[in-house]
Every structure is written in structure tokens, then in C-alpha cells.
Amino acid sequence: MLSAPYRALSVGLVALVMLVAFEAMAVATAMPVVARELGGMSLYNLAFSATLAASVIATVLGGRWSDVRGPMRPIAVGVVAFVAGLLIAGLAPTMEVLVAGRFVQGLGAGLIQVSLYVLVARVFPGAMHPKVFALFSAAWVVPSMIGPAIAGFVVENVDWRWIFLGVSALVVPSALLLWRGTSGRTGEQTDAPPAPGLGRKLVWAGLT
């Protein structure tokens, strides 16, 4: 998995998953301060539910899109949406704008996650799938352990806005690393539609 043909791709995949996971964990720590500063305690819950709803919608649409067009386009759109949502939230002057940013962020996260699973199924040999998916799981566990502590430090010593802006700065190089890992592969592996219904099966597995 870390052999030369898969190294950049593997690191890019895991980095993207970890950043999506970190943001999910870190925001929970920072949100009380965010809501108080922006005077939007009444919208506190919506800042989370908007992201969750958008993620579910994008996961369903991304699974279908990956089935029809392959995973690379949904990943690209997901990365753009995720970064845009982070920037909107990080620069938000009001709680309403932050909620809108969180919604866009959720769309990006949903597209990224389901499309990455399809990409793994397309590019990695079947024998490597369990190892890659185990890394995906670890990429969620690690942020759950360190994310709140890092977020607390940033909020207290820097500014809560960097919970969003800092992650946005890391998503782009991670995505570029992923594209570097796929650039030497044939269109059949990355851009062509995967096995019929694979994206929908992954969506169903994730939702159940």
C-alpha cells in the first residue's frame, strides 16, 4: 500500500479522510465560543444539523454520480465545496453565514467520502481493500482522540476561525497528492464508471 505505485495515492486518501474527520470533531469543541461571539446561540443546533443533512444528500448523489461518471469528478467537486464551505465559515460575520458555510462544507464532505471508497475499489487490488479501509477507520479514530484538544488550544490561543481556515489550507495539498497518485493511471481505472451499482451499495452500507 505504501509501495511506490500507491504511496502518493494512499497518503492523499488518508489525509483527506482525516481532515474531514478532524473538522467534524473540532467544530463540536469550538462551536460554543463561535455561537457566543457571533450572537447566534439560537442557531447552534442548526450549525450541526445543516452539515449532517447536506452530507447525507451529497453521499446519496455522490454514490450515483460515481456509478455513472467514475469517482474523480465527484472528488474534485467535493474538495472544492469542502474548501469553499470552510472559507465561508471561517470568514463568517454572522451565525447565519456560518450555517450556510457549514451546509456547503457538508456537501463537500459527503461527496468526498463516498467517492473515495469508490476510488479505492477501482484502483487498489482487491487484496489491499481491507488494509485501505482499515486506514480509513483509523483516520476517523485519531481525530476523535486529538481533535478536541487541538481545537481547544486553537480557540484559546489563536482564534476559532482557524479551525476552519487552517483545515482549508491543508485540504488542497492533500487533494493534489491524491491527483498525483492517480495521474499515472489509465482512464479506465479512475475516470471510467466502476462496477454497476457500486456507489449505491456503498451509500446503502454507510447509511445502515
N, C-alpha and C. Protein backbone atom coordinates (compact mmCIF):
# COMPACT_ATOMS: atom_id res chain seq x y z
N MET A 1 0.82 -1.21 0.00
CA MET A 1 0.00 0.00 0.00
C MET A 1 0.86 1.27 0.00
N LEU A 2 2.02 1.20 0.68
CA LEU A 2 2.95 2.31 0.65
C LEU A 2 4.09 2.08 -0.32
N SER A 3 3.93 1.07 -1.18
CA SER A 3 4.91 0.86 -2.24
C SER A 3 4.79 2.01 -3.24
N ALA A 4 5.82 2.19 -4.04
CA ALA A 4 5.90 3.36 -4.92
C ALA A 4 4.65 3.61 -5.75
N PRO A 5 4.02 2.59 -6.36
CA PRO A 5 2.85 2.87 -7.21
C PRO A 5 1.65 3.43 -6.45
N TYR A 6 1.58 3.17 -5.14
CA TYR A 6 0.38 3.56 -4.38
C TYR A 6 0.67 4.57 -3.27
N ARG A 7 1.93 4.96 -3.09
CA ARG A 7 2.29 5.77 -1.92
C ARG A 7 1.57 7.12 -1.91
N ALA A 8 1.70 7.89 -2.98
CA ALA A 8 1.08 9.22 -3.01
C ALA A 8 -0.43 9.11 -2.91
N LEU A 9 -1.00 8.15 -3.61
CA LEU A 9 -2.45 7.96 -3.57
C LEU A 9 -2.92 7.62 -2.17
N SER A 10 -2.22 6.70 -1.51
CA SER A 10 -2.61 6.27 -0.16
C SER A 10 -2.53 7.42 0.83
N VAL A 11 -1.44 8.18 0.77
CA VAL A 11 -1.28 9.31 1.69
C VAL A 11 -2.35 10.36 1.43
N GLY A 12 -2.62 10.66 0.16
CA GLY A 12 -3.65 11.64 -0.17
C GLY A 12 -5.03 11.21 0.29
N LEU A 13 -5.36 9.94 0.08
CA LEU A 13 -6.65 9.40 0.52
C LEU A 13 -6.83 9.55 2.02
N VAL A 14 -5.84 9.05 2.77
CA VAL A 14 -5.95 9.06 4.23
C VAL A 14 -5.95 10.49 4.76
N ALA A 15 -5.16 11.37 4.16
CA ALA A 15 -5.13 12.76 4.61
C ALA A 15 -6.48 13.43 4.43
N LEU A 16 -7.14 13.20 3.30
CA LEU A 16 -8.46 13.80 3.08
C LEU A 16 -9.48 13.28 4.08
N VAL A 17 -9.48 11.97 4.31
CA VAL A 17 -10.41 11.40 5.28
C VAL A 17 -10.15 11.98 6.67
N MET A 18 -8.87 12.09 7.03
CA MET A 18 -8.52 12.59 8.35
C MET A 18 -8.93 14.05 8.53
N LEU A 19 -8.80 14.85 7.48
CA LEU A 19 -9.18 16.26 7.58
C LEU A 19 -10.69 16.42 7.71
N VAL A 20 -11.44 15.62 6.95
CA VAL A 20 -12.90 15.65 7.10
C VAL A 20 -13.29 15.24 8.51
N ALA A 21 -12.65 14.20 9.03
CA ALA A 21 -12.95 13.72 10.38
C ALA A 21 -12.54 14.74 11.43
N PHE A 22 -11.36 15.32 11.27
CA PHE A 22 -10.90 16.32 12.24
C PHE A 22 -11.86 17.49 12.32
N GLU A 23 -12.31 17.96 11.17
CA GLU A 23 -13.22 19.10 11.17
C GLU A 23 -14.51 18.76 11.91
N ALA A 24 -15.01 17.54 11.71
CA ALA A 24 -16.24 17.13 12.39
C ALA A 24 -16.06 17.14 13.90
N MET A 25 -14.89 16.69 14.37
CA MET A 25 -14.63 16.63 15.81
C MET A 25 -14.30 18.00 16.38
N ALA A 26 -13.50 18.77 15.67
CA ALA A 26 -13.03 20.04 16.18
C ALA A 26 -14.14 21.07 16.31
N VAL A 27 -15.05 21.07 15.36
CA VAL A 27 -16.13 22.06 15.38
C VAL A 27 -16.99 21.91 16.63
N ALA A 28 -17.20 20.68 17.07
CA ALA A 28 -18.00 20.46 18.28
C ALA A 28 -17.38 21.15 19.49
N THR A 29 -16.06 21.19 19.54
CA THR A 29 -15.37 21.85 20.65
C THR A 29 -15.45 23.37 20.52
N ALA A 30 -15.31 23.86 19.31
CA ALA A 30 -15.24 25.31 19.09
C ALA A 30 -16.60 25.99 19.04
N MET A 31 -17.67 25.26 18.73
CA MET A 31 -18.94 25.89 18.42
C MET A 31 -19.54 26.74 19.55
N PRO A 32 -19.42 26.35 20.82
CA PRO A 32 -19.96 27.24 21.86
C PRO A 32 -19.35 28.64 21.81
N VAL A 33 -18.04 28.72 21.62
CA VAL A 33 -17.37 30.01 21.52
C VAL A 33 -17.81 30.74 20.25
N VAL A 34 -17.91 30.01 19.15
CA VAL A 34 -18.33 30.60 17.87
C VAL A 34 -19.73 31.21 17.99
N ALA A 35 -20.64 30.44 18.54
CA ALA A 35 -22.03 30.91 18.64
C ALA A 35 -22.15 32.13 19.54
N ARG A 36 -21.40 32.14 20.64
CA ARG A 36 -21.44 33.31 21.52
C ARG A 36 -20.85 34.55 20.84
N GLU A 37 -19.74 34.38 20.16
CA GLU A 37 -19.08 35.53 19.52
C GLU A 37 -19.93 36.11 18.40
N LEU A 38 -20.61 35.23 17.66
CA LEU A 38 -21.44 35.69 16.54
C LEU A 38 -22.87 36.00 16.96
N GLY A 39 -23.17 35.82 18.23
CA GLY A 39 -24.51 36.12 18.72
C GLY A 39 -25.58 35.24 18.11
N GLY A 40 -25.26 33.97 17.94
CA GLY A 40 -26.19 33.07 17.26
C GLY A 40 -26.49 31.80 18.02
N MET A 41 -26.66 31.88 19.32
CA MET A 41 -26.94 30.68 20.10
C MET A 41 -28.23 29.99 19.65
N SER A 42 -29.17 30.76 19.12
CA SER A 42 -30.42 30.16 18.65
C SER A 42 -30.20 29.26 17.43
N LEU A 43 -29.10 29.46 16.74
CA LEU A 43 -28.78 28.65 15.55
C LEU A 43 -27.72 27.60 15.84
N TYR A 44 -27.41 27.41 17.10
CA TYR A 44 -26.34 26.48 17.49
C TYR A 44 -26.57 25.09 16.92
N ASN A 45 -27.75 24.53 17.15
CA ASN A 45 -28.03 23.18 16.67
C ASN A 45 -28.06 23.10 15.15
N LEU A 46 -28.54 24.17 14.52
CA LEU A 46 -28.62 24.18 13.06
C LEU A 46 -27.23 24.12 12.42
N ALA A 47 -26.23 24.63 13.11
CA ALA A 47 -24.86 24.59 12.59
C ALA A 47 -24.37 23.15 12.43
N PHE A 48 -24.93 22.24 13.22
CA PHE A 48 -24.57 20.83 13.10
C PHE A 48 -25.53 20.08 12.17
N SER A 49 -26.83 20.33 12.34
CA SER A 49 -27.81 19.59 11.54
C SER A 49 -27.73 19.95 10.06
N ALA A 50 -27.37 21.18 9.74
CA ALA A 50 -27.22 21.58 8.34
C ALA A 50 -26.10 20.80 7.68
N THR A 51 -25.01 20.62 8.40
CA THR A 51 -23.88 19.86 7.86
C THR A 51 -24.24 18.40 7.67
N LEU A 52 -24.92 17.84 8.66
CA LEU A 52 -25.30 16.43 8.59
C LEU A 52 -26.27 16.19 7.43
N ALA A 53 -27.28 17.04 7.31
CA ALA A 53 -28.26 16.88 6.23
C ALA A 53 -27.59 17.00 4.86
N ALA A 54 -26.72 17.99 4.72
CA ALA A 54 -26.03 18.17 3.44
C ALA A 54 -25.14 16.99 3.12
N SER A 55 -24.49 16.44 4.15
CA SER A 55 -23.60 15.29 3.94
C SER A 55 -24.38 14.07 3.47
N VAL A 56 -25.55 13.84 4.05
CA VAL A 56 -26.37 12.70 3.64
C VAL A 56 -26.83 12.87 2.19
N ILE A 57 -27.29 14.07 1.86
CA ILE A 57 -27.73 14.35 0.48
C ILE A 57 -26.59 14.12 -0.50
N ALA A 58 -25.42 14.66 -0.18
CA ALA A 58 -24.28 14.55 -1.09
C ALA A 58 -23.77 13.12 -1.18
N THR A 59 -23.88 12.37 -0.10
CA THR A 59 -23.45 10.97 -0.13
C THR A 59 -24.31 10.17 -1.11
N VAL A 60 -25.61 10.38 -1.06
CA VAL A 60 -26.51 9.68 -1.97
C VAL A 60 -26.24 10.10 -3.42
N LEU A 61 -26.16 11.41 -3.65
CA LEU A 61 -25.91 11.89 -5.01
C LEU A 61 -24.52 11.49 -5.49
N GLY A 62 -23.53 11.53 -4.59
CA GLY A 62 -22.17 11.17 -4.97
C GLY A 62 -22.03 9.71 -5.33
N GLY A 63 -22.78 8.85 -4.64
CA GLY A 63 -22.74 7.43 -4.97
C GLY A 63 -23.26 7.18 -6.37
N ARG A 64 -24.37 7.82 -6.70
CA ARG A 64 -24.94 7.68 -8.04
C ARG A 64 -24.01 8.27 -9.09
N TRP A 65 -23.47 9.45 -8.81
CA TRP A 65 -22.57 10.13 -9.73
C TRP A 65 -21.32 9.28 -10.00
N SER A 66 -20.77 8.69 -8.95
CA SER A 66 -19.59 7.84 -9.11
C SER A 66 -19.90 6.62 -9.95
N ASP A 67 -21.11 6.09 -9.81
CA ASP A 67 -21.51 4.95 -10.64
C ASP A 67 -21.55 5.32 -12.12
N VAL A 68 -22.04 6.52 -12.40
CA VAL A 68 -22.26 6.93 -13.79
C VAL A 68 -20.99 7.47 -14.44
N ARG A 69 -20.24 8.29 -13.70
CA ARG A 69 -19.11 9.01 -14.29
C ARG A 69 -17.74 8.60 -13.73
N GLY A 70 -17.70 7.74 -12.73
CA GLY A 70 -16.43 7.45 -12.08
C GLY A 70 -16.21 8.40 -10.91
N PRO A 71 -15.26 8.11 -10.03
CA PRO A 71 -15.15 8.85 -8.78
C PRO A 71 -14.38 10.16 -8.84
N MET A 72 -13.58 10.42 -9.87
CA MET A 72 -12.69 11.57 -9.83
C MET A 72 -13.43 12.91 -9.90
N ARG A 73 -14.47 13.00 -10.70
CA ARG A 73 -15.21 14.26 -10.78
C ARG A 73 -15.94 14.57 -9.47
N PRO A 74 -16.63 13.60 -8.87
CA PRO A 74 -17.23 13.89 -7.57
C PRO A 74 -16.21 14.28 -6.51
N ILE A 75 -15.03 13.65 -6.54
CA ILE A 75 -13.99 14.03 -5.58
C ILE A 75 -13.57 15.48 -5.81
N ALA A 76 -13.36 15.86 -7.06
CA ALA A 76 -12.94 17.23 -7.37
C ALA A 76 -13.98 18.24 -6.91
N VAL A 77 -15.25 17.99 -7.23
CA VAL A 77 -16.31 18.90 -6.80
C VAL A 77 -16.43 18.90 -5.29
N GLY A 78 -16.27 17.73 -4.67
CA GLY A 78 -16.33 17.64 -3.21
C GLY A 78 -15.24 18.45 -2.54
N VAL A 79 -14.03 18.38 -3.07
CA VAL A 79 -12.92 19.14 -2.50
C VAL A 79 -13.19 20.64 -2.62
N VAL A 80 -13.65 21.08 -3.79
CA VAL A 80 -13.96 22.50 -3.99
C VAL A 80 -15.05 22.95 -3.02
N ALA A 81 -16.11 22.15 -2.88
CA ALA A 81 -17.21 22.52 -1.98
C ALA A 81 -16.75 22.52 -0.53
N PHE A 82 -15.96 21.53 -0.14
CA PHE A 82 -15.49 21.45 1.24
C PHE A 82 -14.63 22.66 1.59
N VAL A 83 -13.70 23.00 0.70
CA VAL A 83 -12.84 24.17 0.95
C VAL A 83 -13.67 25.45 0.95
N ALA A 84 -14.61 25.57 0.01
CA ALA A 84 -15.45 26.77 -0.03
C ALA A 84 -16.26 26.90 1.26
N GLY A 85 -16.82 25.79 1.73
CA GLY A 85 -17.57 25.83 2.97
C GLY A 85 -16.72 26.22 4.16
N LEU A 86 -15.50 25.70 4.21
CA LEU A 86 -14.58 26.06 5.30
C LEU A 86 -14.25 27.55 5.26
N LEU A 87 -14.01 28.09 4.08
CA LEU A 87 -13.69 29.51 3.96
C LEU A 87 -14.88 30.38 4.34
N ILE A 88 -16.07 29.99 3.89
CA ILE A 88 -17.27 30.76 4.25
C ILE A 88 -17.46 30.76 5.76
N ALA A 89 -17.33 29.59 6.38
CA ALA A 89 -17.50 29.50 7.83
C ALA A 89 -16.39 30.26 8.57
N GLY A 90 -15.16 30.11 8.09
CA GLY A 90 -14.04 30.76 8.77
C GLY A 90 -14.06 32.27 8.68
N LEU A 91 -14.69 32.81 7.65
CA LEU A 91 -14.77 34.26 7.46
C LEU A 91 -16.14 34.82 7.80
N ALA A 92 -17.02 33.99 8.33
CA ALA A 92 -18.42 34.38 8.55
C ALA A 92 -18.54 35.56 9.51
N PRO A 93 -19.29 36.60 9.11
CA PRO A 93 -19.53 37.73 10.01
C PRO A 93 -20.73 37.50 10.92
N THR A 94 -21.59 36.56 10.55
CA THR A 94 -22.79 36.26 11.34
C THR A 94 -22.97 34.75 11.43
N MET A 95 -23.82 34.35 12.36
CA MET A 95 -24.09 32.92 12.53
C MET A 95 -24.83 32.36 11.32
N GLU A 96 -25.67 33.17 10.70
CA GLU A 96 -26.39 32.71 9.51
C GLU A 96 -25.43 32.34 8.38
N VAL A 97 -24.42 33.16 8.19
CA VAL A 97 -23.42 32.88 7.16
C VAL A 97 -22.63 31.64 7.52
N LEU A 98 -22.31 31.48 8.80
CA LEU A 98 -21.57 30.30 9.23
C LEU A 98 -22.38 29.03 8.97
N VAL A 99 -23.68 29.06 9.25
CA VAL A 99 -24.53 27.90 8.99
C VAL A 99 -24.53 27.58 7.50
N ALA A 100 -24.60 28.61 6.67
CA ALA A 100 -24.55 28.39 5.22
C ALA A 100 -23.23 27.74 4.82
N GLY A 101 -22.15 28.21 5.40
CA GLY A 101 -20.85 27.61 5.13
C GLY A 101 -20.78 26.17 5.57
N ARG A 102 -21.37 25.88 6.71
CA ARG A 102 -21.40 24.51 7.21
C ARG A 102 -22.20 23.60 6.29
N PHE A 103 -23.26 24.13 5.70
CA PHE A 103 -24.05 23.34 4.75
C PHE A 103 -23.21 23.00 3.52
N VAL A 104 -22.53 23.99 2.98
CA VAL A 104 -21.67 23.75 1.81
C VAL A 104 -20.56 22.77 2.17
N GLN A 105 -20.02 22.94 3.35
CA GLN A 105 -18.98 22.03 3.83
C GLN A 105 -19.49 20.60 3.90
N GLY A 106 -20.72 20.41 4.36
CA GLY A 106 -21.31 19.08 4.43
C GLY A 106 -21.49 18.45 3.07
N LEU A 107 -21.88 19.27 2.08
CA LEU A 107 -21.98 18.75 0.71
C LEU A 107 -20.63 18.22 0.24
N GLY A 108 -19.59 18.99 0.49
CA GLY A 108 -18.26 18.56 0.08
C GLY A 108 -17.81 17.30 0.79
N ALA A 109 -18.04 17.24 2.09
CA ALA A 109 -17.62 16.07 2.86
C ALA A 109 -18.32 14.81 2.39
N GLY A 110 -19.63 14.91 2.10
CA GLY A 110 -20.37 13.74 1.63
C GLY A 110 -19.86 13.24 0.29
N LEU A 111 -19.61 14.16 -0.63
CA LEU A 111 -19.09 13.77 -1.94
C LEU A 111 -17.71 13.13 -1.81
N ILE A 112 -16.86 13.72 -1.00
CA ILE A 112 -15.50 13.19 -0.84
C ILE A 112 -15.53 11.78 -0.29
N GLN A 113 -16.29 11.56 0.76
CA GLN A 113 -16.21 10.27 1.45
C GLN A 113 -16.69 9.11 0.58
N VAL A 114 -17.85 9.24 -0.03
CA VAL A 114 -18.36 8.12 -0.81
C VAL A 114 -17.52 7.91 -2.06
N SER A 115 -17.03 8.99 -2.67
CA SER A 115 -16.23 8.85 -3.89
C SER A 115 -14.86 8.24 -3.62
N LEU A 116 -14.30 8.51 -2.44
CA LEU A 116 -13.02 7.90 -2.10
C LEU A 116 -13.14 6.39 -1.98
N TYR A 117 -14.24 5.93 -1.43
CA TYR A 117 -14.45 4.48 -1.33
C TYR A 117 -14.54 3.85 -2.73
N VAL A 118 -15.23 4.52 -3.62
CA VAL A 118 -15.33 4.01 -4.99
C VAL A 118 -13.96 4.02 -5.66
N LEU A 119 -13.19 5.08 -5.41
CA LEU A 119 -11.85 5.16 -5.99
C LEU A 119 -10.97 4.01 -5.52
N VAL A 120 -11.05 3.70 -4.24
CA VAL A 120 -10.27 2.58 -3.70
C VAL A 120 -10.65 1.29 -4.41
N ALA A 121 -11.96 1.07 -4.59
CA ALA A 121 -12.42 -0.14 -5.25
C ALA A 121 -11.94 -0.22 -6.69
N ARG A 122 -11.74 0.94 -7.33
CA ARG A 122 -11.32 0.96 -8.72
C ARG A 122 -9.81 0.78 -8.90
N VAL A 123 -9.03 1.36 -7.99
CA VAL A 123 -7.59 1.49 -8.22
C VAL A 123 -6.78 0.41 -7.50
N PHE A 124 -7.16 0.10 -6.27
CA PHE A 124 -6.37 -0.85 -5.49
C PHE A 124 -6.78 -2.29 -5.80
N PRO A 125 -5.83 -3.21 -5.81
CA PRO A 125 -6.19 -4.63 -5.95
C PRO A 125 -7.09 -5.07 -4.81
N GLY A 126 -7.96 -6.04 -5.09
CA GLY A 126 -8.91 -6.50 -4.09
C GLY A 126 -8.28 -6.91 -2.78
N ALA A 127 -7.10 -7.51 -2.84
CA ALA A 127 -6.43 -7.97 -1.62
C ALA A 127 -6.02 -6.82 -0.71
N MET A 128 -5.91 -5.62 -1.28
CA MET A 128 -5.49 -4.46 -0.49
C MET A 128 -6.66 -3.68 0.10
N HIS A 129 -7.87 -3.98 -0.33
CA HIS A 129 -9.02 -3.21 0.14
C HIS A 129 -9.18 -3.22 1.65
N PRO A 130 -9.09 -4.38 2.33
CA PRO A 130 -9.24 -4.36 3.79
C PRO A 130 -8.23 -3.46 4.48
N LYS A 131 -7.00 -3.43 3.99
CA LYS A 131 -5.97 -2.59 4.60
C LYS A 131 -6.28 -1.11 4.41
N VAL A 132 -6.72 -0.76 3.21
CA VAL A 132 -7.04 0.64 2.94
C VAL A 132 -8.23 1.09 3.78
N PHE A 133 -9.27 0.26 3.85
CA PHE A 133 -10.44 0.64 4.62
C PHE A 133 -10.14 0.66 6.12
N ALA A 134 -9.19 -0.17 6.57
CA ALA A 134 -8.76 -0.11 7.97
C ALA A 134 -8.06 1.23 8.24
N LEU A 135 -7.30 1.70 7.27
CA LEU A 135 -6.67 3.02 7.40
C LEU A 135 -7.72 4.12 7.45
N PHE A 136 -8.77 3.98 6.66
CA PHE A 136 -9.87 4.95 6.70
C PHE A 136 -10.47 5.01 8.11
N SER A 137 -10.68 3.84 8.70
CA SER A 137 -11.24 3.79 10.05
C SER A 137 -10.31 4.47 11.04
N ALA A 138 -9.01 4.19 10.92
CA ALA A 138 -8.03 4.82 11.80
C ALA A 138 -8.01 6.33 11.60
N ALA A 139 -8.25 6.76 10.36
CA ALA A 139 -8.25 8.18 10.06
C ALA A 139 -9.42 8.90 10.72
N TRP A 140 -10.43 8.17 11.14
CA TRP A 140 -11.52 8.74 11.94
C TRP A 140 -11.23 8.64 13.44
N VAL A 141 -10.58 7.56 13.85
CA VAL A 141 -10.31 7.35 15.27
C VAL A 141 -9.31 8.38 15.80
N VAL A 142 -8.23 8.59 15.06
CA VAL A 142 -7.18 9.51 15.53
C VAL A 142 -7.72 10.93 15.76
N PRO A 143 -8.46 11.53 14.82
CA PRO A 143 -9.01 12.86 15.09
C PRO A 143 -9.98 12.89 16.27
N SER A 144 -10.69 11.79 16.50
CA SER A 144 -11.60 11.78 17.65
C SER A 144 -10.84 11.84 18.96
N MET A 145 -9.57 11.40 18.94
CA MET A 145 -8.75 11.42 20.15
C MET A 145 -8.02 12.75 20.33
N ILE A 146 -7.53 13.33 19.25
CA ILE A 146 -6.71 14.54 19.38
C ILE A 146 -7.41 15.80 18.89
N GLY A 147 -8.49 15.63 18.10
CA GLY A 147 -9.16 16.79 17.53
C GLY A 147 -9.68 17.78 18.56
N PRO A 148 -10.42 17.34 19.59
CA PRO A 148 -10.92 18.29 20.58
C PRO A 148 -9.82 19.05 21.30
N ALA A 149 -8.71 18.37 21.62
CA ALA A 149 -7.61 19.05 22.30
C ALA A 149 -6.98 20.11 21.41
N ILE A 150 -6.75 19.77 20.15
CA ILE A 150 -6.18 20.74 19.21
C ILE A 150 -7.13 21.92 19.02
N ALA A 151 -8.42 21.61 18.87
CA ALA A 151 -9.40 22.68 18.69
C ALA A 151 -9.45 23.60 19.90
N GLY A 152 -9.41 23.01 21.09
CA GLY A 152 -9.41 23.83 22.30
C GLY A 152 -8.21 24.75 22.38
N PHE A 153 -7.05 24.22 22.00
CA PHE A 153 -5.83 25.04 22.01
C PHE A 153 -5.95 26.19 21.01
N VAL A 154 -6.44 25.90 19.82
CA VAL A 154 -6.57 26.93 18.79
C VAL A 154 -7.55 28.01 19.23
N VAL A 155 -8.68 27.60 19.78
CA VAL A 155 -9.69 28.57 20.22
C VAL A 155 -9.15 29.47 21.32
N GLU A 156 -8.41 28.90 22.26
CA GLU A 156 -7.93 29.67 23.40
C GLU A 156 -6.71 30.53 23.07
N ASN A 157 -5.87 30.06 22.17
CA ASN A 157 -4.59 30.73 21.95
C ASN A 157 -4.45 31.42 20.59
N VAL A 158 -5.30 31.09 19.65
CA VAL A 158 -5.22 31.72 18.33
C VAL A 158 -6.55 32.40 18.04
N ASP A 159 -7.43 31.72 17.34
CA ASP A 159 -8.76 32.25 17.02
C ASP A 159 -9.59 31.10 16.48
N TRP A 160 -10.86 31.06 16.86
CA TRP A 160 -11.70 29.94 16.41
C TRP A 160 -11.79 29.85 14.90
N ARG A 161 -11.61 30.95 14.20
CA ARG A 161 -11.71 30.94 12.74
C ARG A 161 -10.68 30.02 12.10
N TRP A 162 -9.56 29.81 12.77
CA TRP A 162 -8.53 28.95 12.21
C TRP A 162 -8.87 27.48 12.30
N ILE A 163 -9.91 27.14 13.04
CA ILE A 163 -10.43 25.76 13.00
C ILE A 163 -10.90 25.45 11.57
N PHE A 164 -11.45 26.45 10.92
CA PHE A 164 -11.91 26.28 9.54
C PHE A 164 -10.82 26.64 8.52
N LEU A 165 -10.20 27.79 8.71
CA LEU A 165 -9.23 28.27 7.73
C LEU A 165 -7.99 27.39 7.68
N GLY A 166 -7.55 26.91 8.83
CA GLY A 166 -6.36 26.05 8.86
C GLY A 166 -6.57 24.75 8.11
N VAL A 167 -7.75 24.15 8.30
CA VAL A 167 -8.05 22.90 7.60
C VAL A 167 -8.14 23.14 6.10
N SER A 168 -8.73 24.27 5.70
CA SER A 168 -8.86 24.55 4.26
C SER A 168 -7.49 24.63 3.60
N ALA A 169 -6.50 25.12 4.33
CA ALA A 169 -5.15 25.22 3.76
C ALA A 169 -4.49 23.86 3.59
N LEU A 170 -4.95 22.86 4.35
CA LEU A 170 -4.37 21.52 4.27
C LEU A 170 -5.10 20.63 3.27
N VAL A 171 -6.35 20.94 2.98
CA VAL A 171 -7.13 20.09 2.06
C VAL A 171 -6.54 20.14 0.65
N VAL A 172 -6.15 21.31 0.21
CA VAL A 172 -5.67 21.46 -1.17
C VAL A 172 -4.42 20.62 -1.43
N PRO A 173 -3.36 20.71 -0.61
CA PRO A 173 -2.20 19.85 -0.88
C PRO A 173 -2.51 18.36 -0.76
N SER A 174 -3.42 17.99 0.12
CA SER A 174 -3.82 16.59 0.23
C SER A 174 -4.50 16.12 -1.04
N ALA A 175 -5.38 16.96 -1.59
CA ALA A 175 -6.05 16.61 -2.84
C ALA A 175 -5.07 16.54 -4.00
N LEU A 176 -4.12 17.46 -4.03
CA LEU A 176 -3.11 17.43 -5.10
C LEU A 176 -2.27 16.17 -5.02
N LEU A 177 -1.99 15.72 -3.81
CA LEU A 177 -1.24 14.48 -3.64
C LEU A 177 -2.04 13.30 -4.16
N LEU A 178 -3.35 13.32 -3.90
CA LEU A 178 -4.21 12.25 -4.41
C LEU A 178 -4.20 12.25 -5.94
N TRP A 179 -4.35 13.45 -6.54
CA TRP A 179 -4.34 13.51 -8.00
C TRP A 179 -3.00 13.07 -8.58
N ARG A 180 -1.94 13.39 -7.88
CA ARG A 180 -0.63 12.92 -8.33
C ARG A 180 -0.59 11.40 -8.32
N GLY A 181 -1.21 10.79 -7.33
CA GLY A 181 -1.22 9.34 -7.24
C GLY A 181 -2.07 8.66 -8.29
N THR A 182 -3.03 9.41 -8.87
CA THR A 182 -3.89 8.82 -9.90
C THR A 182 -3.49 9.24 -11.31
N SER A 183 -2.62 10.24 -11.42
CA SER A 183 -2.33 10.80 -12.75
C SER A 183 -1.63 9.82 -13.67
N GLY A 184 -0.88 8.89 -13.12
CA GLY A 184 -0.18 7.95 -13.97
C GLY A 184 -0.98 6.72 -14.31
N ARG A 185 -2.24 6.71 -13.92
CA ARG A 185 -3.07 5.53 -14.15
C ARG A 185 -3.98 5.75 -15.34
N THR A 186 -4.51 4.70 -15.88
CA THR A 186 -5.34 4.80 -17.08
C THR A 186 -6.70 5.37 -16.73
N GLY A 187 -7.36 5.94 -17.73
CA GLY A 187 -8.70 6.46 -17.51
C GLY A 187 -9.66 5.40 -17.07
N GLU A 188 -9.43 4.15 -17.48
CA GLU A 188 -10.33 3.08 -17.09
C GLU A 188 -10.32 2.88 -15.58
N GLN A 189 -9.20 3.14 -14.93
CA GLN A 189 -9.10 2.90 -13.50
C GLN A 189 -9.73 4.00 -12.68
N THR A 190 -9.62 5.25 -13.13
CA THR A 190 -10.04 6.35 -12.28
C THR A 190 -11.26 7.10 -12.78
N ASP A 191 -11.40 7.28 -14.08
CA ASP A 191 -12.49 8.09 -14.60
C ASP A 191 -13.66 7.28 -15.13
N ALA A 192 -13.40 6.05 -15.54
CA ALA A 192 -14.49 5.24 -16.08
C ALA A 192 -15.43 4.81 -14.97
N PRO A 193 -16.70 4.58 -15.28
CA PRO A 193 -17.64 4.13 -14.28
C PRO A 193 -17.18 2.83 -13.64
N PRO A 194 -17.35 2.68 -12.32
CA PRO A 194 -17.00 1.45 -11.65
C PRO A 194 -18.03 0.38 -11.90
N ALA A 195 -17.90 -0.72 -11.17
CA ALA A 195 -18.86 -1.80 -11.31
C ALA A 195 -20.27 -1.27 -11.08
N PRO A 196 -21.24 -1.72 -11.86
CA PRO A 196 -22.59 -1.19 -11.76
C PRO A 196 -23.12 -1.25 -10.33
N GLY A 197 -23.62 -0.10 -9.86
CA GLY A 197 -24.24 -0.06 -8.55
C GLY A 197 -23.28 0.01 -7.39
N LEU A 198 -21.95 0.08 -7.62
CA LEU A 198 -21.01 0.08 -6.52
C LEU A 198 -21.22 1.28 -5.61
N GLY A 199 -21.35 2.46 -6.21
CA GLY A 199 -21.56 3.65 -5.40
C GLY A 199 -22.82 3.56 -4.56
N ARG A 200 -23.90 3.06 -5.15
CA ARG A 200 -25.15 2.94 -4.41
C ARG A 200 -25.02 1.92 -3.29
N LYS A 201 -24.27 0.85 -3.53
CA LYS A 201 -24.06 -0.15 -2.47
C LYS A 201 -23.29 0.45 -1.31
N LEU A 202 -22.28 1.27 -1.62
CA LEU A 202 -21.52 1.91 -0.57
C LEU A 202 -22.38 2.89 0.21
N VAL A 203 -23.23 3.63 -0.48
CA VAL A 203 -24.15 4.54 0.20
C VAL A 203 -25.06 3.77 1.14
N TRP A 204 -25.64 2.68 0.64
CA TRP A 204 -26.55 1.89 1.47
C TRP A 204 -25.83 1.33 2.69
N ALA A 205 -24.60 0.86 2.49
CA ALA A 205 -23.82 0.33 3.62
C ALA A 205 -23.54 1.42 4.64
N GLY A 206 -23.23 2.63 4.15
CA GLY A 206 -22.92 3.71 5.06
C GLY A 206 -24.13 4.19 5.84
N LEU A 207 -25.28 4.20 5.19
CA LEU A 207 -26.49 4.70 5.85
C LEU A 207 -27.10 3.68 6.80
N THR A 208 -26.72 2.40 6.64
CA THR A 208 -27.28 1.37 7.51
C THR A 208 -26.27 0.87 8.51
